[in-house]
Amino acid sequence: MRGGVNIDQAQTLALNVLAFLASSSGALERLMEQSGLDLVTLRDRAADADFQVAILDFLLANEELLVDFCQTTRTEPRAVRLAAHRLSHG
């Protein structure tokens, strides 16, 4: 994702982050606690660009999770930032 990211790549990355959070001990619970959303709402909004930005922002705000995600998925942290920017600016 050098230089930029297209909308499909950004959406895929956001969904990968959501799956990662769901598999990480306590991470999804923290997301739900901070956002006030429940599992049904998370599932229903997973394809929503604004929600995807919130997921990426949540990851970016949690350095330990970000590092773990990037190492696990071999993703550059910059790609997460680029995806959040792309989704927030269409």
C-alpha atoms as a PDB file:
ATOM      1  CA  MET A   1       0.000   0.000   0.000  1.00  0.00           C
ATOM      2  CA  ARG A   2       2.773   2.384  -0.844  1.00  0.00           C
ATOM      3  CA  GLY A   3       1.757   5.917  -1.628  1.00  0.00           C
ATOM      4  CA  GLY A   4      -1.948   5.340  -1.281  1.00  0.00           C
ATOM      5  CA  VAL A   5      -4.744   2.913  -0.824  1.00  0.00           C
ATOM      6  CA  ASN A   6      -7.930   2.471  -2.801  1.00  0.00           C
ATOM      7  CA  ILE A   7     -11.346   2.212  -1.191  1.00  0.00           C
ATOM      8  CA  ASP A   8     -11.559  -1.576  -1.590  1.00  0.00           C
ATOM      9  CA  GLN A   9      -8.183  -2.063   0.087  1.00  0.00           C
ATOM     10  CA  ALA A  10      -9.203   0.286   2.897  1.00  0.00           C
ATOM     11  CA  GLN A  11     -12.478  -1.566   3.485  1.00  0.00           C
ATOM     12  CA  THR A  12     -10.743  -4.934   3.445  1.00  0.00           C
ATOM     13  CA  LEU A  13      -8.160  -3.728   5.926  1.00  0.00           C
ATOM     14  CA  ALA A  14     -10.880  -2.390   8.251  1.00  0.00           C
ATOM     15  CA  LEU A  15     -12.698  -5.734   8.151  1.00  0.00           C
ATOM     16  CA  ASN A  16      -9.419  -7.536   8.831  1.00  0.00           C
ATOM     17  CA  VAL A  17      -8.899  -5.290  11.849  1.00  0.00           C
ATOM     18  CA  LEU A  18     -12.403  -6.095  13.098  1.00  0.00           C
ATOM     19  CA  ALA A  19     -11.699  -9.828  12.741  1.00  0.00           C
ATOM     20  CA  PHE A  20      -8.391  -9.356  14.542  1.00  0.00           C
ATOM     21  CA  LEU A  21     -10.096  -7.492  17.385  1.00  0.00           C
ATOM     22  CA  ALA A  22     -12.671 -10.266  17.673  1.00  0.00           C
ATOM     23  CA  SER A  23      -9.892 -12.836  18.043  1.00  0.00           C
ATOM     24  CA  SER A  24      -7.825 -10.776  20.498  1.00  0.00           C
ATOM     25  CA  SER A  25      -8.450 -11.260  24.181  1.00  0.00           C
ATOM     26  CA  GLY A  26     -10.517  -8.360  25.467  1.00  0.00           C
ATOM     27  CA  ALA A  27     -10.011  -6.091  22.442  1.00  0.00           C
ATOM     28  CA  LEU A  28     -13.514  -6.391  21.027  1.00  0.00           C
ATOM     29  CA  GLU A  29     -14.974  -5.854  24.486  1.00  0.00           C
ATOM     30  CA  ARG A  30     -12.937  -2.637  24.844  1.00  0.00           C
ATOM     31  CA  LEU A  31     -14.171  -1.462  21.444  1.00  0.00           C
ATOM     32  CA  MET A  32     -17.773  -2.136  22.434  1.00  0.00           C
ATOM     33  CA  GLU A  33     -17.288  -0.438  25.798  1.00  0.00           C
ATOM     34  CA  GLN A  34     -15.742   2.672  24.242  1.00  0.00           C
ATOM     35  CA  SER A  35     -18.233   2.877  21.378  1.00  0.00           C
ATOM     36  CA  GLY A  36     -21.343   1.878  23.312  1.00  0.00           C
ATOM     37  CA  LEU A  37     -22.234  -0.640  20.603  1.00  0.00           C
ATOM     38  CA  ASP A  38     -23.270  -4.253  21.057  1.00  0.00           C
ATOM     39  CA  LEU A  39     -22.346  -7.293  18.940  1.00  0.00           C
ATOM     40  CA  VAL A  40     -25.477  -7.072  16.786  1.00  0.00           C
ATOM     41  CA  THR A  41     -24.806  -3.426  15.956  1.00  0.00           C
ATOM     42  CA  LEU A  42     -21.130  -4.157  15.273  1.00  0.00           C
ATOM     43  CA  ARG A  43     -22.138  -6.858  12.802  1.00  0.00           C
ATOM     44  CA  ASP A  44     -24.812  -4.695  11.186  1.00  0.00           C
ATOM     45  CA  ARG A  45     -22.467  -1.706  10.762  1.00  0.00           C
ATOM     46  CA  ALA A  46     -19.351  -3.633   9.672  1.00  0.00           C
ATOM     47  CA  ALA A  47     -19.720  -2.461   6.054  1.00  0.00           C
ATOM     48  CA  ASP A  48     -20.374   1.184   6.987  1.00  0.00           C
ATOM     49  CA  ALA A  49     -17.426   3.445   6.092  1.00  0.00           C
ATOM     50  CA  ASP A  50     -17.833   5.653   9.168  1.00  0.00           C
ATOM     51  CA  PHE A  51     -17.810   2.604  11.408  1.00  0.00           C
ATOM     52  CA  GLN A  52     -14.762   1.227   9.581  1.00  0.00           C
ATOM     53  CA  VAL A  53     -12.943   4.504  10.256  1.00  0.00           C
ATOM     54  CA  ALA A  54     -13.853   4.166  13.938  1.00  0.00           C
ATOM     55  CA  ILE A  55     -12.420   0.629  13.978  1.00  0.00           C
ATOM     56  CA  LEU A  56      -9.178   1.798  12.399  1.00  0.00           C
ATOM     57  CA  ASP A  57      -8.980   4.798  14.740  1.00  0.00           C
ATOM     58  CA  PHE A  58      -9.512   2.490  17.717  1.00  0.00           C
ATOM     59  CA  LEU A  59      -6.582   0.355  16.558  1.00  0.00           C
ATOM     60  CA  LEU A  60      -4.393   3.398  15.908  1.00  0.00           C
ATOM     61  CA  ALA A  61      -5.108   4.692  19.412  1.00  0.00           C
ATOM     62  CA  ASN A  62      -3.968   1.422  20.997  1.00  0.00           C
ATOM     63  CA  GLU A  63      -0.281   1.027  20.227  1.00  0.00           C
ATOM     64  CA  GLU A  64       0.025  -2.474  21.675  1.00  0.00           C
ATOM     65  CA  LEU A  65      -2.891  -3.719  19.568  1.00  0.00           C
ATOM     66  CA  LEU A  66      -1.584  -1.877  16.514  1.00  0.00           C
ATOM     67  CA  VAL A  67       1.846  -3.476  16.813  1.00  0.00           C
ATOM     68  CA  ASP A  68       0.301  -6.899  17.384  1.00  0.00           C
ATOM     69  CA  PHE A  69      -2.016  -6.498  14.378  1.00  0.00           C
ATOM     70  CA  CYS A  70       0.779  -5.288  12.120  1.00  0.00           C
ATOM     71  CA  GLN A  71       3.129  -8.083  13.141  1.00  0.00           C
ATOM     72  CA  THR A  72       0.439 -10.752  12.872  1.00  0.00           C
ATOM     73  CA  THR A  73      -0.806  -9.629   9.467  1.00  0.00           C
ATOM     74  CA  ARG A  74       2.470  -8.241   8.113  1.00  0.00           C
ATOM     75  CA  THR A  75       0.833  -4.873   7.601  1.00  0.00           C
ATOM     76  CA  GLU A  76       2.692  -1.587   7.835  1.00  0.00           C
ATOM     77  CA  PRO A  77       1.241   0.758  10.480  1.00  0.00           C
ATOM     78  CA  ARG A  78       1.199   3.455   7.808  1.00  0.00           C
ATOM     79  CA  ALA A  79      -1.271   1.347   5.815  1.00  0.00           C
ATOM     80  CA  VAL A  80      -3.736   1.499   8.702  1.00  0.00           C
ATOM     81  CA  ARG A  81      -3.469   5.294   8.797  1.00  0.00           C
ATOM     82  CA  LEU A  82      -3.833   5.515   5.000  1.00  0.00           C
ATOM     83  CA  ALA A  83      -6.923   3.270   5.092  1.00  0.00           C
ATOM     84  CA  ALA A  84      -8.541   5.405   7.789  1.00  0.00           C
ATOM     85  CA  HIS A  85      -7.811   8.538   5.763  1.00  0.00           C
ATOM     86  CA  ARG A  86      -9.205   6.997   2.561  1.00  0.00           C
ATOM     87  CA  LEU A  87     -12.420   5.858   4.230  1.00  0.00           C
ATOM     88  CA  SER A  88     -12.967   9.183   5.935  1.00  0.00           C
ATOM     89  CA  HIS A  89     -12.401  11.143   2.715  1.00  0.00           C
ATOM     90  CA  GLY A  90     -14.053   8.779   0.251  1.00  0.00           C
END
